[in-house]
Amino acid sequence: MCGFGVFMGDFSDSLTKKNRDPLASTSNGASANGLQTVSKAIPTPSGKQKWQHSTVKSILTNEKYKGDAILQKRFTVDFLTKKMKVNEGEVPQYYVENSHPAIIPPETFELAQEEFRRRKAGGHYTSGINCFASRIVCGDCGSFYGRKVWHSGSQYACTVWQCNRKFNKRTSKNSALLLI
């Protein structure tokens, strides 16, 4: 995406308006849905009205959106054949801060990175439907608690929160149960 600020034009202004709070939702899908419902007047870079999950994730993980750049991500192996290779340590990489105007404020970008790290450490996908999803952590195994319904469809139905690894004998011994 080299030269990205040049061809983006008005899109960078609209993206800045949209990404004032990219962490307001709880999952990439919810972010895409949030972008879709917040403003249908602002299209995607390709001109579509619906924002795809992958587009939102690429925006929230690409350092160029915060105004920085990593140089030499790829390099030319043979200039005669113009063969390119992803840099895996063969050539030094350089991180340039404030190389161009930021679309997403650096503080917001860092919050997004922190949230991605937190979710990766949890190891489980969260739908983000409930405010407690991926928030309550088991003291025994470190897994998240999940919402379960006991006696579903009967008059005795009860919603509980219990460790998602409760029945995995190797990780969780005696998990606590939260009745709500």
N, C-alpha and C. Protein backbone atom coordinates (compact mmCIF):
# COMPACT_ATOMS: atom_id res chain seq x y z
N MET A 1 0.82 -1.19 0.00
CA MET A 1 0.00 0.00 0.00
C MET A 1 0.87 1.25 0.00
N CYS A 2 1.94 1.22 -0.72
CA CYS A 2 2.83 2.35 -0.80
C CYS A 2 2.15 3.49 -1.55
N GLY A 3 2.32 4.70 -1.09
CA GLY A 3 1.69 5.85 -1.72
C GLY A 3 0.22 5.94 -1.41
N PHE A 4 -0.19 5.31 -0.34
CA PHE A 4 -1.60 5.17 -0.02
C PHE A 4 -2.27 6.50 0.26
N GLY A 5 -1.56 7.46 0.83
CA GLY A 5 -2.15 8.76 1.13
C GLY A 5 -2.44 9.55 -0.12
N VAL A 6 -1.76 9.24 -1.21
CA VAL A 6 -1.93 10.00 -2.44
C VAL A 6 -3.25 9.67 -3.12
N PHE A 7 -3.57 8.38 -3.26
CA PHE A 7 -4.77 8.03 -4.01
C PHE A 7 -6.03 7.93 -3.15
N MET A 8 -5.90 8.00 -1.82
CA MET A 8 -7.07 7.86 -0.96
C MET A 8 -7.99 9.06 -1.04
N GLY A 9 -7.46 10.27 -1.17
CA GLY A 9 -8.28 11.46 -1.33
C GLY A 9 -9.28 11.65 -0.21
N ASP A 10 -10.55 11.80 -0.57
CA ASP A 10 -11.61 12.07 0.40
C ASP A 10 -11.88 10.90 1.32
N PHE A 11 -11.47 9.70 0.91
CA PHE A 11 -11.72 8.53 1.75
C PHE A 11 -11.03 8.64 3.09
N SER A 12 -9.82 9.23 3.12
CA SER A 12 -9.10 9.33 4.39
C SER A 12 -9.86 10.22 5.37
N ASP A 13 -10.50 11.28 4.90
CA ASP A 13 -11.30 12.13 5.78
C ASP A 13 -12.50 11.38 6.33
N SER A 14 -13.19 10.64 5.47
CA SER A 14 -14.37 9.91 5.92
C SER A 14 -13.98 8.77 6.85
N LEU A 15 -12.82 8.13 6.60
CA LEU A 15 -12.36 7.05 7.46
C LEU A 15 -12.01 7.60 8.84
N THR A 16 -11.41 8.78 8.87
CA THR A 16 -11.08 9.40 10.15
C THR A 16 -12.35 9.66 10.94
N LYS A 17 -13.40 10.11 10.29
CA LYS A 17 -14.67 10.35 10.98
C LYS A 17 -15.25 9.05 11.51
N LYS A 18 -15.12 7.96 10.75
CA LYS A 18 -15.70 6.69 11.16
C LYS A 18 -14.93 6.04 12.29
N ASN A 19 -13.63 6.20 12.32
CA ASN A 19 -12.80 5.47 13.28
C ASN A 19 -12.49 6.28 14.53
N ARG A 20 -13.36 7.15 14.92
CA ARG A 20 -13.15 7.89 16.16
C ARG A 20 -13.11 6.91 17.34
N ASP A 21 -13.94 5.87 17.30
CA ASP A 21 -13.95 4.87 18.36
C ASP A 21 -14.06 3.47 17.77
N PRO A 22 -12.97 2.95 17.18
CA PRO A 22 -13.05 1.64 16.55
C PRO A 22 -13.18 0.50 17.54
N LEU A 23 -12.95 0.76 18.83
CA LEU A 23 -13.03 -0.31 19.83
C LEU A 23 -14.38 -0.34 20.51
N ALA A 24 -15.33 0.45 20.03
CA ALA A 24 -16.65 0.48 20.66
C ALA A 24 -17.35 -0.86 20.53
N SER A 25 -17.08 -1.61 19.48
CA SER A 25 -17.69 -2.91 19.32
C SER A 25 -16.76 -3.97 19.88
N THR A 26 -17.25 -5.21 19.91
CA THR A 26 -16.50 -6.24 20.62
C THR A 26 -15.85 -7.26 19.72
N SER A 27 -16.16 -7.29 18.45
CA SER A 27 -15.51 -8.23 17.55
C SER A 27 -15.34 -7.59 16.19
N ASN A 28 -14.53 -8.22 15.36
CA ASN A 28 -14.32 -7.67 14.02
C ASN A 28 -15.63 -7.60 13.26
N GLY A 29 -16.45 -8.64 13.41
CA GLY A 29 -17.74 -8.63 12.75
C GLY A 29 -18.63 -7.52 13.25
N ALA A 30 -18.60 -7.32 14.56
CA ALA A 30 -19.40 -6.24 15.12
C ALA A 30 -18.85 -4.90 14.67
N SER A 31 -17.52 -4.79 14.51
CA SER A 31 -16.93 -3.56 14.01
C SER A 31 -17.41 -3.28 12.60
N ALA A 32 -17.40 -4.32 11.78
CA ALA A 32 -17.85 -4.14 10.40
C ALA A 32 -19.33 -3.76 10.38
N ASN A 33 -20.12 -4.43 11.21
CA ASN A 33 -21.54 -4.10 11.27
C ASN A 33 -21.74 -2.70 11.82
N GLY A 34 -20.92 -2.32 12.80
CA GLY A 34 -21.01 -0.98 13.35
C GLY A 34 -20.67 0.06 12.30
N LEU A 35 -19.62 -0.20 11.52
CA LEU A 35 -19.27 0.73 10.45
C LEU A 35 -20.38 0.80 9.42
N GLN A 36 -21.03 -0.33 9.19
CA GLN A 36 -22.09 -0.36 8.20
C GLN A 36 -23.32 0.41 8.68
N THR A 37 -23.66 0.27 9.96
CA THR A 37 -24.88 0.91 10.44
C THR A 37 -24.67 2.35 10.88
N VAL A 38 -23.46 2.70 11.32
CA VAL A 38 -23.23 4.06 11.79
C VAL A 38 -23.43 5.06 10.67
N SER A 39 -22.86 4.77 9.52
CA SER A 39 -22.98 5.73 8.43
C SER A 39 -22.99 5.00 7.11
N LYS A 40 -24.16 4.90 6.51
CA LYS A 40 -24.26 4.26 5.21
C LYS A 40 -23.81 5.20 4.10
N ALA A 41 -23.58 6.47 4.44
CA ALA A 41 -23.17 7.45 3.45
C ALA A 41 -21.70 7.32 3.10
N ILE A 42 -20.90 6.68 3.94
CA ILE A 42 -19.46 6.56 3.69
C ILE A 42 -19.17 5.17 3.14
N PRO A 43 -18.78 5.09 1.88
CA PRO A 43 -18.53 3.77 1.28
C PRO A 43 -17.13 3.26 1.62
N THR A 44 -16.91 1.99 1.30
CA THR A 44 -15.60 1.37 1.47
C THR A 44 -14.66 1.91 0.40
N PRO A 45 -13.36 1.60 0.46
CA PRO A 45 -12.45 2.07 -0.58
C PRO A 45 -12.86 1.63 -1.99
N SER A 46 -13.53 0.48 -2.09
CA SER A 46 -13.96 0.01 -3.41
C SER A 46 -15.33 0.55 -3.80
N GLY A 47 -15.93 1.38 -2.94
CA GLY A 47 -17.20 2.01 -3.27
C GLY A 47 -18.43 1.27 -2.81
N LYS A 48 -18.27 0.18 -2.07
CA LYS A 48 -19.42 -0.60 -1.60
C LYS A 48 -19.94 -0.03 -0.29
N GLN A 49 -21.18 -0.33 0.05
CA GLN A 49 -21.78 0.17 1.27
C GLN A 49 -21.48 -0.73 2.48
N LYS A 50 -21.27 -2.03 2.25
CA LYS A 50 -21.04 -2.97 3.34
C LYS A 50 -19.54 -3.12 3.59
N TRP A 51 -19.13 -2.93 4.84
CA TRP A 51 -17.73 -3.09 5.23
C TRP A 51 -17.50 -4.55 5.59
N GLN A 52 -16.49 -5.18 4.98
CA GLN A 52 -16.15 -6.57 5.28
C GLN A 52 -15.29 -6.65 6.54
N HIS A 53 -15.38 -7.75 7.24
CA HIS A 53 -14.61 -7.96 8.48
C HIS A 53 -13.11 -7.82 8.22
N SER A 54 -12.66 -8.39 7.11
CA SER A 54 -11.23 -8.35 6.80
C SER A 54 -10.75 -6.92 6.53
N THR A 55 -11.60 -6.10 5.96
CA THR A 55 -11.22 -4.71 5.70
C THR A 55 -11.04 -3.96 7.01
N VAL A 56 -11.98 -4.16 7.93
CA VAL A 56 -11.88 -3.49 9.23
C VAL A 56 -10.64 -3.96 9.97
N LYS A 57 -10.38 -5.27 9.94
CA LYS A 57 -9.20 -5.79 10.64
C LYS A 57 -7.91 -5.25 10.01
N SER A 58 -7.86 -5.16 8.69
CA SER A 58 -6.66 -4.64 8.05
C SER A 58 -6.44 -3.17 8.40
N ILE A 59 -7.51 -2.42 8.55
CA ILE A 59 -7.39 -1.02 8.95
C ILE A 59 -6.85 -0.92 10.37
N LEU A 60 -7.35 -1.76 11.26
CA LEU A 60 -6.97 -1.68 12.66
C LEU A 60 -5.62 -2.34 12.97
N THR A 61 -5.02 -3.04 12.00
CA THR A 61 -3.73 -3.69 12.25
C THR A 61 -2.59 -3.14 11.39
N ASN A 62 -2.88 -2.30 10.41
CA ASN A 62 -1.84 -1.78 9.52
C ASN A 62 -1.26 -0.49 10.10
N GLU A 63 0.05 -0.47 10.31
CA GLU A 63 0.71 0.69 10.94
C GLU A 63 0.63 1.94 10.08
N LYS A 64 0.37 1.80 8.79
CA LYS A 64 0.30 2.97 7.92
C LYS A 64 -0.89 3.86 8.26
N TYR A 65 -1.94 3.29 8.83
CA TYR A 65 -3.11 4.08 9.19
C TYR A 65 -2.83 4.98 10.38
N LYS A 66 -1.81 4.68 11.18
CA LYS A 66 -1.47 5.56 12.30
C LYS A 66 -0.36 6.53 11.95
N GLY A 67 0.10 6.51 10.71
CA GLY A 67 1.08 7.48 10.26
C GLY A 67 2.51 6.99 10.27
N ASP A 68 2.73 5.71 10.54
CA ASP A 68 4.08 5.14 10.56
C ASP A 68 4.28 4.23 9.35
N ALA A 69 5.50 3.79 9.16
CA ALA A 69 5.79 2.89 8.05
C ALA A 69 6.93 1.94 8.43
N ILE A 70 6.81 0.70 7.96
CA ILE A 70 7.89 -0.27 8.09
C ILE A 70 8.49 -0.42 6.69
N LEU A 71 9.76 -0.12 6.56
CA LEU A 71 10.42 -0.20 5.27
C LEU A 71 11.08 -1.56 5.09
N GLN A 72 11.15 -2.01 3.86
CA GLN A 72 11.74 -3.27 3.44
C GLN A 72 11.01 -4.48 4.01
N LYS A 73 9.67 -4.47 3.92
CA LYS A 73 8.90 -5.67 4.26
C LYS A 73 9.18 -6.75 3.23
N ARG A 74 9.40 -6.31 1.98
CA ARG A 74 9.78 -7.21 0.90
C ARG A 74 11.03 -6.65 0.23
N PHE A 75 11.80 -7.52 -0.37
CA PHE A 75 12.99 -7.05 -1.07
C PHE A 75 13.16 -7.83 -2.37
N THR A 76 13.95 -7.27 -3.27
CA THR A 76 14.20 -7.87 -4.57
C THR A 76 15.37 -8.85 -4.44
N VAL A 77 15.10 -10.12 -4.75
CA VAL A 77 16.13 -11.15 -4.69
C VAL A 77 17.05 -11.03 -5.90
N ASP A 78 16.46 -10.93 -7.08
CA ASP A 78 17.24 -10.84 -8.31
C ASP A 78 16.66 -9.70 -9.14
N PHE A 79 17.44 -8.66 -9.36
CA PHE A 79 16.92 -7.50 -10.06
C PHE A 79 16.69 -7.77 -11.54
N LEU A 80 17.34 -8.80 -12.10
CA LEU A 80 17.12 -9.13 -13.51
C LEU A 80 15.75 -9.79 -13.72
N THR A 81 15.40 -10.72 -12.86
CA THR A 81 14.10 -11.39 -12.97
C THR A 81 13.02 -10.65 -12.18
N LYS A 82 13.42 -9.66 -11.42
CA LYS A 82 12.51 -8.87 -10.58
C LYS A 82 11.76 -9.74 -9.57
N LYS A 83 12.41 -10.77 -9.11
CA LYS A 83 11.83 -11.69 -8.13
C LYS A 83 11.83 -11.02 -6.76
N MET A 84 10.64 -10.95 -6.12
CA MET A 84 10.49 -10.33 -4.80
C MET A 84 10.31 -11.44 -3.76
N LYS A 85 10.76 -11.16 -2.53
CA LYS A 85 10.63 -12.12 -1.43
C LYS A 85 10.25 -11.35 -0.17
N VAL A 86 9.43 -11.97 0.66
CA VAL A 86 9.08 -11.39 1.95
C VAL A 86 10.31 -11.43 2.84
N ASN A 87 10.61 -10.33 3.48
CA ASN A 87 11.79 -10.21 4.33
C ASN A 87 11.59 -11.00 5.62
N GLU A 88 12.39 -12.02 5.80
CA GLU A 88 12.34 -12.85 7.01
C GLU A 88 13.64 -12.72 7.78
N GLY A 89 14.23 -11.52 7.75
CA GLY A 89 15.47 -11.27 8.47
C GLY A 89 16.69 -11.21 7.60
N GLU A 90 16.55 -11.43 6.30
CA GLU A 90 17.70 -11.39 5.41
C GLU A 90 18.24 -9.97 5.24
N VAL A 91 17.32 -8.99 5.24
CA VAL A 91 17.67 -7.59 5.04
C VAL A 91 17.13 -6.81 6.24
N PRO A 92 17.84 -5.81 6.74
CA PRO A 92 17.32 -5.07 7.90
C PRO A 92 16.05 -4.28 7.55
N GLN A 93 15.11 -4.27 8.48
CA GLN A 93 13.89 -3.48 8.33
C GLN A 93 14.01 -2.21 9.15
N TYR A 94 13.33 -1.16 8.71
CA TYR A 94 13.36 0.12 9.40
C TYR A 94 11.95 0.56 9.72
N TYR A 95 11.73 1.01 10.95
CA TYR A 95 10.43 1.53 11.37
C TYR A 95 10.52 3.05 11.40
N VAL A 96 9.71 3.71 10.57
CA VAL A 96 9.71 5.17 10.47
C VAL A 96 8.45 5.69 11.13
N GLU A 97 8.63 6.51 12.18
CA GLU A 97 7.48 7.10 12.86
C GLU A 97 7.11 8.43 12.22
N ASN A 98 5.83 8.72 12.19
CA ASN A 98 5.29 9.97 11.64
C ASN A 98 5.79 10.23 10.22
N SER A 99 5.77 9.21 9.39
CA SER A 99 6.23 9.37 8.01
C SER A 99 5.20 10.06 7.14
N HIS A 100 3.94 10.05 7.55
CA HIS A 100 2.86 10.68 6.81
C HIS A 100 1.71 10.98 7.78
N PRO A 101 0.73 11.79 7.39
CA PRO A 101 -0.38 12.11 8.30
C PRO A 101 -1.18 10.86 8.68
N ALA A 102 -1.54 10.78 9.95
CA ALA A 102 -2.28 9.63 10.45
C ALA A 102 -3.76 9.74 10.13
N ILE A 103 -4.37 8.61 9.81
CA ILE A 103 -5.82 8.55 9.61
C ILE A 103 -6.48 8.18 10.93
N ILE A 104 -5.88 7.22 11.64
CA ILE A 104 -6.35 6.83 12.97
C ILE A 104 -5.37 7.41 13.98
N PRO A 105 -5.86 8.07 15.04
CA PRO A 105 -4.93 8.60 16.05
C PRO A 105 -4.08 7.48 16.65
N PRO A 106 -2.78 7.74 16.89
CA PRO A 106 -1.89 6.69 17.41
C PRO A 106 -2.39 6.06 18.71
N GLU A 107 -3.02 6.85 19.59
CA GLU A 107 -3.52 6.29 20.85
C GLU A 107 -4.61 5.26 20.58
N THR A 108 -5.51 5.57 19.65
CA THR A 108 -6.59 4.65 19.30
C THR A 108 -6.02 3.39 18.66
N PHE A 109 -5.01 3.56 17.80
CA PHE A 109 -4.38 2.42 17.15
C PHE A 109 -3.75 1.50 18.18
N GLU A 110 -3.07 2.07 19.18
CA GLU A 110 -2.44 1.26 20.23
C GLU A 110 -3.49 0.55 21.08
N LEU A 111 -4.62 1.19 21.33
CA LEU A 111 -5.71 0.52 22.06
C LEU A 111 -6.22 -0.67 21.27
N ALA A 112 -6.33 -0.52 19.96
CA ALA A 112 -6.78 -1.62 19.11
C ALA A 112 -5.78 -2.77 19.17
N GLN A 113 -4.48 -2.47 19.12
CA GLN A 113 -3.46 -3.51 19.20
C GLN A 113 -3.52 -4.24 20.53
N GLU A 114 -3.73 -3.48 21.60
CA GLU A 114 -3.86 -4.08 22.94
C GLU A 114 -5.06 -5.03 23.00
N GLU A 115 -6.16 -4.62 22.39
CA GLU A 115 -7.36 -5.46 22.37
C GLU A 115 -7.13 -6.72 21.55
N PHE A 116 -6.45 -6.60 20.41
CA PHE A 116 -6.13 -7.78 19.61
C PHE A 116 -5.24 -8.74 20.40
N ARG A 117 -4.26 -8.23 21.13
CA ARG A 117 -3.38 -9.08 21.95
C ARG A 117 -4.18 -9.77 23.06
N ARG A 118 -5.09 -9.02 23.70
CA ARG A 118 -5.91 -9.60 24.77
C ARG A 118 -6.77 -10.74 24.24
N ARG A 119 -7.38 -10.53 23.08
CA ARG A 119 -8.24 -11.57 22.52
C ARG A 119 -7.44 -12.78 22.06
N LYS A 120 -6.24 -12.54 21.54
CA LYS A 120 -5.40 -13.65 21.09
C LYS A 120 -4.95 -14.49 22.29
N ALA A 121 -4.66 -13.83 23.41
CA ALA A 121 -4.24 -14.56 24.61
C ALA A 121 -5.37 -15.42 25.15
N GLY A 122 -6.61 -14.96 24.97
CA GLY A 122 -7.77 -15.74 25.42
C GLY A 122 -7.94 -17.00 24.61
N GLY A 123 -7.60 -16.95 23.35
CA GLY A 123 -7.62 -18.15 22.51
C GLY A 123 -8.98 -18.57 22.01
N HIS A 124 -10.02 -17.83 22.30
CA HIS A 124 -11.35 -18.23 21.86
C HIS A 124 -12.03 -17.08 21.15
N TYR A 125 -12.87 -17.44 20.21
CA TYR A 125 -13.66 -16.44 19.49
C TYR A 125 -14.80 -15.99 20.38
N THR A 126 -15.10 -14.70 20.34
CA THR A 126 -16.24 -14.20 21.10
C THR A 126 -17.22 -13.53 20.15
N SER A 127 -18.48 -13.77 20.35
CA SER A 127 -19.47 -13.19 19.47
C SER A 127 -19.76 -11.74 19.85
N GLY A 128 -19.49 -11.38 21.09
CA GLY A 128 -19.72 -10.01 21.52
C GLY A 128 -21.18 -9.69 21.76
N ILE A 129 -22.03 -10.70 21.86
CA ILE A 129 -23.46 -10.44 22.06
C ILE A 129 -23.72 -9.98 23.49
N ASN A 130 -22.99 -10.51 24.45
CA ASN A 130 -23.22 -10.17 25.84
C ASN A 130 -22.07 -9.35 26.39
N CYS A 131 -22.37 -8.47 27.32
CA CYS A 131 -21.33 -7.59 27.86
C CYS A 131 -20.30 -8.36 28.70
N PHE A 132 -20.62 -9.56 29.17
CA PHE A 132 -19.68 -10.35 29.95
C PHE A 132 -18.81 -11.27 29.09
N ALA A 133 -19.11 -11.37 27.81
CA ALA A 133 -18.37 -12.27 26.93
C ALA A 133 -16.90 -11.85 26.89
N SER A 134 -16.02 -12.82 27.11
CA SER A 134 -14.56 -12.62 27.13
C SER A 134 -14.12 -11.63 28.20
N ARG A 135 -14.85 -11.53 29.27
CA ARG A 135 -14.49 -10.61 30.36
C ARG A 135 -14.23 -11.36 31.68
N ILE A 136 -14.97 -12.42 31.94
CA ILE A 136 -14.82 -13.19 33.17
C ILE A 136 -13.83 -14.31 32.90
N VAL A 137 -12.75 -14.37 33.69
CA VAL A 137 -11.69 -15.34 33.47
C VAL A 137 -11.68 -16.35 34.61
N CYS A 138 -11.53 -17.63 34.27
CA CYS A 138 -11.48 -18.70 35.25
C CYS A 138 -10.18 -18.62 36.05
N GLY A 139 -10.28 -18.75 37.35
CA GLY A 139 -9.11 -18.71 38.21
C GLY A 139 -8.27 -19.96 38.14
N ASP A 140 -8.85 -21.09 37.71
CA ASP A 140 -8.11 -22.35 37.63
C ASP A 140 -7.29 -22.47 36.35
N CYS A 141 -7.96 -22.29 35.21
CA CYS A 141 -7.28 -22.58 33.94
C CYS A 141 -7.02 -21.35 33.07
N GLY A 142 -7.60 -20.19 33.41
CA GLY A 142 -7.36 -18.98 32.64
C GLY A 142 -8.27 -18.83 31.43
N SER A 143 -9.20 -19.75 31.24
CA SER A 143 -10.13 -19.67 30.13
C SER A 143 -11.27 -18.70 30.48
N PHE A 144 -11.99 -18.26 29.47
CA PHE A 144 -13.12 -17.37 29.72
C PHE A 144 -14.34 -18.15 30.17
N TYR A 145 -15.20 -17.48 30.91
CA TYR A 145 -16.49 -18.04 31.26
C TYR A 145 -17.44 -17.83 30.09
N GLY A 146 -18.36 -18.77 29.91
CA GLY A 146 -19.34 -18.68 28.84
C GLY A 146 -20.75 -18.75 29.40
N ARG A 147 -21.66 -18.17 28.67
CA ARG A 147 -23.07 -18.15 29.08
C ARG A 147 -23.72 -19.47 28.67
N LYS A 148 -24.34 -20.14 29.63
CA LYS A 148 -25.02 -21.41 29.38
C LYS A 148 -26.44 -21.31 29.91
N VAL A 149 -27.36 -22.01 29.27
CA VAL A 149 -28.75 -22.04 29.73
C VAL A 149 -29.04 -23.46 30.19
N TRP A 150 -29.42 -23.58 31.44
CA TRP A 150 -29.83 -24.87 31.98
C TRP A 150 -31.33 -25.03 31.82
N HIS A 151 -31.77 -26.21 31.51
CA HIS A 151 -33.19 -26.55 31.34
C HIS A 151 -33.84 -25.64 30.30
N SER A 152 -33.17 -25.48 29.18
CA SER A 152 -33.67 -24.61 28.12
C SER A 152 -35.04 -25.09 27.62
N GLY A 153 -35.94 -24.14 27.43
CA GLY A 153 -37.26 -24.46 26.91
C GLY A 153 -38.26 -24.92 27.95
N SER A 154 -37.87 -24.95 29.21
CA SER A 154 -38.82 -25.36 30.24
C SER A 154 -39.05 -24.19 31.20
N GLN A 155 -39.97 -24.39 32.11
CA GLN A 155 -40.26 -23.34 33.08
C GLN A 155 -39.12 -23.16 34.09
N TYR A 156 -38.19 -24.11 34.12
CA TYR A 156 -37.07 -24.06 35.06
C TYR A 156 -35.80 -23.50 34.41
N ALA A 157 -35.91 -22.89 33.23
CA ALA A 157 -34.75 -22.38 32.52
C ALA A 157 -33.99 -21.38 33.39
N CYS A 158 -32.67 -21.52 33.39
CA CYS A 158 -31.82 -20.68 34.22
C CYS A 158 -30.54 -20.38 33.44
N THR A 159 -30.14 -19.12 33.42
CA THR A 159 -28.90 -18.73 32.74
C THR A 159 -27.76 -18.72 33.74
N VAL A 160 -26.67 -19.41 33.40
CA VAL A 160 -25.50 -19.46 34.26
C VAL A 160 -24.27 -19.13 33.44
N TRP A 161 -23.21 -18.71 34.12
CA TRP A 161 -21.91 -18.49 33.49
C TRP A 161 -20.95 -19.49 34.12
N GLN A 162 -20.30 -20.30 33.27
CA GLN A 162 -19.34 -21.27 33.78
C GLN A 162 -18.14 -21.33 32.85
N CYS A 163 -17.07 -21.87 33.35
CA CYS A 163 -15.83 -21.98 32.59
C CYS A 163 -16.08 -22.77 31.31
N ASN A 164 -15.58 -22.25 30.19
CA ASN A 164 -15.78 -22.94 28.91
C ASN A 164 -15.00 -24.26 28.85
N ARG A 165 -14.01 -24.43 29.71
CA ARG A 165 -13.25 -25.68 29.75
C ARG A 165 -13.65 -26.54 30.94
N LYS A 166 -14.85 -26.38 31.42
CA LYS A 166 -15.33 -27.09 32.61
C LYS A 166 -15.22 -28.61 32.44
N PHE A 167 -15.53 -29.10 31.24
CA PHE A 167 -15.54 -30.54 31.03
C PHE A 167 -14.24 -31.06 30.44
N ASN A 168 -13.24 -30.20 30.30
CA ASN A 168 -11.92 -30.62 29.86
C ASN A 168 -11.15 -31.02 31.12
N LYS A 169 -10.96 -32.31 31.34
CA LYS A 169 -10.39 -32.82 32.60
C LYS A 169 -8.96 -32.39 32.83
N ARG A 170 -8.24 -32.06 31.74
CA ARG A 170 -6.83 -31.71 31.90
C ARG A 170 -6.64 -30.28 32.42
N THR A 171 -7.57 -29.37 32.15
CA THR A 171 -7.31 -27.97 32.46
C THR A 171 -8.09 -27.43 33.64
N SER A 172 -9.33 -27.81 33.80
CA SER A 172 -10.15 -27.20 34.84
C SER A 172 -10.62 -28.26 35.83
N LYS A 173 -10.30 -28.04 37.09
CA LYS A 173 -10.64 -29.04 38.10
C LYS A 173 -12.03 -28.80 38.68
N ASN A 174 -12.20 -27.72 39.39
CA ASN A 174 -13.49 -27.40 39.99
C ASN A 174 -13.77 -25.92 39.76
N SER A 175 -14.42 -25.64 38.64
CA SER A 175 -14.72 -24.27 38.25
C SER A 175 -15.91 -23.76 39.03
N ALA A 176 -15.85 -22.48 39.33
CA ALA A 176 -16.96 -21.83 40.00
C ALA A 176 -18.09 -21.61 38.99
N LEU A 177 -19.27 -21.38 39.48
CA LEU A 177 -20.45 -21.19 38.66
C LEU A 177 -21.11 -19.89 39.07
N LEU A 178 -21.47 -19.07 38.11
CA LEU A 178 -22.15 -17.81 38.39
C LEU A 178 -23.59 -17.92 37.94
N LEU A 179 -24.51 -17.75 38.85
CA LEU A 179 -25.93 -17.76 38.52
C LEU A 179 -26.40 -16.34 38.32
N ILE A 180 -27.07 -16.12 37.19
CA ILE A 180 -27.58 -14.78 36.92
C ILE A 180 -29.07 -14.84 36.73
